[in-house]
C-alpha atoms as a PDB file:
ATOM      1  CA  MET A   1      47.675  81.044  77.814  1.00  0.00           C
ATOM      2  CA  ARG A   2      50.433  82.893  76.019  1.00  0.00           C
ATOM      3  CA  LEU A   3      52.212  81.353  73.067  1.00  0.00           C
ATOM      4  CA  THR A   4      55.502  81.802  74.909  1.00  0.00           C
ATOM      5  CA  ASP A   5      54.148  79.633  77.725  1.00  0.00           C
ATOM      6  CA  ILE A   6      54.426  76.620  75.423  1.00  0.00           C
ATOM      7  CA  LEU A   7      56.871  77.682  72.697  1.00  0.00           C
ATOM      8  CA  LEU A   8      60.211  76.896  74.270  1.00  0.00           C
ATOM      9  CA  GLU A   9      63.636  77.793  72.910  1.00  0.00           C
ATOM     10  CA  GLU A  10      64.427  74.116  72.376  1.00  0.00           C
ATOM     11  CA  HIS A  11      61.308  73.851  70.177  1.00  0.00           C
ATOM     12  CA  ILE A  12      62.625  76.392  67.655  1.00  0.00           C
ATOM     13  CA  GLN A  13      64.554  75.081  64.645  1.00  0.00           C
ATOM     14  CA  LEU A  14      66.717  77.596  62.848  1.00  0.00           C
ATOM     15  CA  PRO A  15      67.191  76.934  60.020  1.00  0.00           C
ATOM     16  CA  LEU A  16      64.741  74.252  58.958  1.00  0.00           C
ATOM     17  CA  GLN A  17      66.555  71.656  56.844  1.00  0.00           C
ATOM     18  CA  GLY A  18      63.682  70.086  54.906  1.00  0.00           C
ATOM     19  CA  SER A  19      62.889  71.136  51.363  1.00  0.00           C
ATOM     20  CA  GLU A  20      59.286  69.853  51.174  1.00  0.00           C
ATOM     21  CA  ARG A  21      56.214  70.411  53.339  1.00  0.00           C
ATOM     22  CA  ASP A  22      56.132  66.879  54.751  1.00  0.00           C
ATOM     23  CA  ASP A  23      59.876  66.982  55.540  1.00  0.00           C
ATOM     24  CA  VAL A  24      59.464  70.175  57.544  1.00  0.00           C
ATOM     25  CA  ILE A  25      56.463  68.779  59.415  1.00  0.00           C
ATOM     26  CA  GLU A  26      58.517  65.668  60.259  1.00  0.00           C
ATOM     27  CA  GLU A  27      61.388  67.861  61.428  1.00  0.00           C
ATOM     28  CA  LEU A  28      59.166  69.821  63.806  1.00  0.00           C
ATOM     29  CA  ILE A  29      57.368  66.703  65.064  1.00  0.00           C
ATOM     30  CA  THR A  30      60.781  65.141  65.781  1.00  0.00           C
ATOM     31  CA  LEU A  31      61.769  68.239  67.732  1.00  0.00           C
ATOM     32  CA  LEU A  32      58.691  67.930  69.969  1.00  0.00           C
ATOM     33  CA  ASP A  33      59.209  64.190  70.354  1.00  0.00           C
ATOM     34  CA  LYS A  34      62.857  64.660  71.310  1.00  0.00           C
ATOM     35  CA  ASN A  35      61.682  66.933  74.093  1.00  0.00           C
ATOM     36  CA  GLU A  36      59.093  64.339  75.238  1.00  0.00           C
ATOM     37  CA  MET A  37      56.026  66.359  74.244  1.00  0.00           C
ATOM     38  CA  LEU A  38      54.301  63.513  72.379  1.00  0.00           C
ATOM     39  CA  ALA A  39      52.904  60.191  73.559  1.00  0.00           C
ATOM     40  CA  ASP A  40      53.307  58.665  70.084  1.00  0.00           C
ATOM     41  CA  LYS A  41      55.405  60.438  67.458  1.00  0.00           C
ATOM     42  CA  GLU A  42      54.119  58.437  64.483  1.00  0.00           C
ATOM     43  CA  GLN A  43      50.459  58.954  65.374  1.00  0.00           C
ATOM     44  CA  ALA A  44      51.014  62.686  65.900  1.00  0.00           C
ATOM     45  CA  HIS A  45      52.834  62.958  62.574  1.00  0.00           C
ATOM     46  CA  ASN A  46      50.053  61.102  60.758  1.00  0.00           C
ATOM     47  CA  ALA A  47      47.395  63.277  62.417  1.00  0.00           C
ATOM     48  CA  VAL A  48      49.126  66.456  61.221  1.00  0.00           C
ATOM     49  CA  LEU A  49      49.443  65.080  57.672  1.00  0.00           C
ATOM     50  CA  GLU A  50      45.763  64.032  57.677  1.00  0.00           C
ATOM     51  CA  ARG A  51      44.765  67.548  58.763  1.00  0.00           C
ATOM     52  CA  GLU A  52      46.941  68.952  55.985  1.00  0.00           C
ATOM     53  CA  LYS A  53      44.952  66.919  53.436  1.00  0.00           C
ATOM     54  CA  LEU A  54      41.708  68.634  54.474  1.00  0.00           C
ATOM     55  CA  MET A  55      42.872  72.154  53.734  1.00  0.00           C
ATOM     56  CA  THR A  56      46.168  73.937  53.424  1.00  0.00           C
ATOM     57  CA  THR A  57      47.653  75.353  56.593  1.00  0.00           C
ATOM     58  CA  GLY A  58      49.639  77.871  54.562  1.00  0.00           C
ATOM     59  CA  VAL A  59      47.826  80.942  55.826  1.00  0.00           C
ATOM     60  CA  GLY A  60      49.693  83.489  53.705  1.00  0.00           C
ATOM     61  CA  ASN A  61      52.263  86.170  54.465  1.00  0.00           C
ATOM     62  CA  MET A  62      54.984  83.494  54.445  1.00  0.00           C
ATOM     63  CA  ILE A  63      53.356  81.674  57.390  1.00  0.00           C
ATOM     64  CA  ALA A  64      52.196  78.062  57.737  1.00  0.00           C
ATOM     65  CA  ILE A  65      50.574  76.591  60.834  1.00  0.00           C
ATOM     66  CA  PRO A  66      50.259  72.815  60.457  1.00  0.00           C
ATOM     67  CA  HIS A  67      48.323  71.479  63.432  1.00  0.00           C
ATOM     68  CA  CYS A  68      46.284  68.656  64.888  1.00  0.00           C
ATOM     69  CA  LYS A  69      44.170  67.600  67.832  1.00  0.00           C
ATOM     70  CA  HIS A  70      44.968  64.004  68.718  1.00  0.00           C
ATOM     71  CA  ASN A  71      45.318  61.563  71.628  1.00  0.00           C
ATOM     72  CA  SER A  72      49.040  61.261  70.868  1.00  0.00           C
ATOM     73  CA  CYS A  73      49.400  64.870  72.037  1.00  0.00           C
ATOM     74  CA  PRO A  74      48.468  64.857  75.736  1.00  0.00           C
ATOM     75  CA  ASN A  75      49.362  68.536  76.200  1.00  0.00           C
ATOM     76  CA  PHE A  76      49.505  71.554  73.959  1.00  0.00           C
ATOM     77  CA  ALA A  77      52.900  72.038  72.377  1.00  0.00           C
ATOM     78  CA  VAL A  78      54.277  74.314  69.690  1.00  0.00           C
ATOM     79  CA  ALA A  79      57.385  73.946  67.574  1.00  0.00           C
ATOM     80  CA  MET A  80      58.554  76.574  65.150  1.00  0.00           C
ATOM     81  CA  GLY A  81      61.067  76.805  62.373  1.00  0.00           C
ATOM     82  CA  VAL A  82      62.403  79.276  59.858  1.00  0.00           C
ATOM     83  CA  HIS A  83      63.289  78.337  56.279  1.00  0.00           C
ATOM     84  CA  GLN A  84      65.147  81.031  54.340  1.00  0.00           C
ATOM     85  CA  LYS A  85      64.044  79.901  50.863  1.00  0.00           C
ATOM     86  CA  GLY A  86      60.528  78.985  51.907  1.00  0.00           C
ATOM     87  CA  ILE A  87      58.456  75.819  51.678  1.00  0.00           C
ATOM     88  CA  ASP A  88      55.435  75.303  49.434  1.00  0.00           C
ATOM     89  CA  PHE A  89      52.433  74.881  51.736  1.00  0.00           C
ATOM     90  CA  GLU A  90      50.007  75.753  48.922  1.00  0.00           C
ATOM     91  CA  SER A  91      49.351  79.008  50.743  1.00  0.00           C
ATOM     92  CA  ILE A  92      46.288  81.015  49.882  1.00  0.00           C
ATOM     93  CA  ASP A  93      48.498  83.874  48.606  1.00  0.00           C
ATOM     94  CA  LYS A  94      50.712  81.449  46.630  1.00  0.00           C
ATOM     95  CA  LYS A  95      53.821  82.550  48.587  1.00  0.00           C
ATOM     96  CA  LYS A  96      56.158  80.009  50.147  1.00  0.00           C
ATOM     97  CA  ALA A  97      56.146  79.731  53.935  1.00  0.00           C
ATOM     98  CA  LYS A  98      59.341  80.899  55.591  1.00  0.00           C
ATOM     99  CA  ILE A  99      57.968  80.692  59.140  1.00  0.00           C
ATOM    100  CA  VAL A 100      56.314  77.427  60.152  1.00  0.00           C
ATOM    101  CA  PHE A 101      54.536  76.855  63.458  1.00  0.00           C
ATOM    102  CA  LEU A 102      53.482  73.325  64.385  1.00  0.00           C
ATOM    103  CA  LEU A 103      50.682  73.198  66.966  1.00  0.00           C
ATOM    104  CA  VAL A 104      49.602  69.925  68.549  1.00  0.00           C
ATOM    105  CA  GLY A 105      47.205  69.313  71.387  1.00  0.00           C
ATOM    106  CA  PRO A 106      44.631  67.000  72.899  1.00  0.00           C
ATOM    107  CA  GLU A 107      41.260  66.387  71.276  1.00  0.00           C
ATOM    108  CA  ASN A 108      39.342  67.289  74.435  1.00  0.00           C
ATOM    109  CA  ASN A 109      40.140  71.025  74.414  1.00  0.00           C
ATOM    110  CA  PRO A 110      39.186  72.472  71.016  1.00  0.00           C
ATOM    111  CA  GLY A 111      38.664  75.928  72.504  1.00  0.00           C
ATOM    112  CA  MET A 112      42.290  76.233  73.583  1.00  0.00           C
ATOM    113  CA  HIS A 113      43.421  74.842  70.216  1.00  0.00           C
ATOM    114  CA  ILE A 114      41.502  77.591  68.392  1.00  0.00           C
ATOM    115  CA  LYS A 115      42.757  80.230  70.822  1.00  0.00           C
ATOM    116  CA  LEU A 116      46.381  79.235  70.180  1.00  0.00           C
ATOM    117  CA  LEU A 117      45.879  79.187  66.402  1.00  0.00           C
ATOM    118  CA  SER A 118      44.351  82.646  66.669  1.00  0.00           C
ATOM    119  CA  ARG A 119      47.205  83.884  68.855  1.00  0.00           C
ATOM    120  CA  ILE A 120      49.806  82.707  66.337  1.00  0.00           C
ATOM    121  CA  SER A 121      47.876  84.283  63.463  1.00  0.00           C
ATOM    122  CA  ARG A 122      47.487  87.592  65.277  1.00  0.00           C
ATOM    123  CA  LEU A 123      51.139  87.783  66.271  1.00  0.00           C
ATOM    124  CA  MET A 124      52.293  86.920  62.765  1.00  0.00           C
ATOM    125  CA  SER A 125      50.088  89.612  61.218  1.00  0.00           C
ATOM    126  CA  SER A 126      52.926  92.037  61.981  1.00  0.00           C
ATOM    127  CA  GLU A 127      55.095  92.410  58.875  1.00  0.00           C
ATOM    128  CA  ASP A 128      57.894  93.835  61.018  1.00  0.00           C
ATOM    129  CA  LEU A 129      57.859  90.843  63.373  1.00  0.00           C
ATOM    130  CA  ARG A 130      57.882  88.400  60.454  1.00  0.00           C
ATOM    131  CA  ARG A 131      60.879  90.173  58.931  1.00  0.00           C
ATOM    132  CA  GLN A 132      62.758  90.185  62.249  1.00  0.00           C
ATOM    133  CA  ILE A 133      62.072  86.473  62.800  1.00  0.00           C
ATOM    134  CA  ILE A 134      63.279  85.582  59.310  1.00  0.00           C
ATOM    135  CA  GLU A 135      66.458  87.629  59.875  1.00  0.00           C
ATOM    136  CA  SER A 136      67.109  86.163  63.361  1.00  0.00           C
ATOM    137  CA  LYS A 137      70.301  84.218  63.930  1.00  0.00           C
ATOM    138  CA  ASP A 138      69.208  82.043  66.858  1.00  0.00           C
ATOM    139  CA  ALA A 139      66.233  80.599  68.702  1.00  0.00           C
ATOM    140  CA  ALA A 140      66.689  82.805  71.774  1.00  0.00           C
ATOM    141  CA  SER A 141      66.307  85.935  69.637  1.00  0.00           C
ATOM    142  CA  ILE A 142      63.122  84.606  68.042  1.00  0.00           C
ATOM    143  CA  LEU A 143      61.613  83.733  71.401  1.00  0.00           C
ATOM    144  CA  GLN A 144      62.448  87.197  72.736  1.00  0.00           C
ATOM    145  CA  LEU A 145      60.824  88.864  69.710  1.00  0.00           C
ATOM    146  CA  ILE A 146      57.639  86.830  70.141  1.00  0.00           C
ATOM    147  CA  ASN A 147      57.566  87.486  73.886  1.00  0.00           C
ATOM    148  CA  GLU A 148      57.911  91.240  73.335  1.00  0.00           C
ATOM    149  CA  GLU A 149      55.136  91.168  70.732  1.00  0.00           C
ATOM    150  CA  GLU A 150      52.867  89.288  73.135  1.00  0.00           C
ATOM    151  CA  ASP A 151      53.639  91.812  75.879  1.00  0.00           C
ATOM    152  CA  TYR A 152      52.687  94.616  73.529  1.00  0.00           C
ATOM    153  CA  TYR A 153      49.474  93.177  72.066  1.00  0.00           C
ATOM    154  CA  PHE A 154      47.935  90.949  74.691  1.00  0.00           C
ATOM    155  CA  ASP A 155      46.875  91.153  78.276  1.00  0.00           C
ATOM    156  CA  LEU A 156      47.954  88.203  80.371  1.00  0.00           C
ATOM    157  CA  ASP A 157      45.272  85.545  80.516  1.00  0.00           C
END
């Protein structure tokens, strides 16, 4: 599965409005809920916040990937947002996250969950792609950039 199979243009928020980690997570959860990707918005939100308590999802390089596996998420879904000033996700490199991916999915497919986390991490390892995403003016441009990067780096599954 490619990231662009589940990251839809309507799941990209540009710019993110929240100023705190939990606000941004709520914003992205709301985006998925608005597009009917969640069975229970509140449960999904709580599951992401509980996961965040275990260990930071600020992976460094201005990227955060809050995520959860929960019954309230019957299918895999990804939302993404860009915050120009950055959000403190207590990242391992101490830098604020400017690009935030929210990944949710069912509990019964941990392999796919890990594969999608890995795919996001690999794509975002490109400094050039991160810069282009941060400078993008609209969701369509971001989706095109990610799609081109996937075409370049990955064989179709």
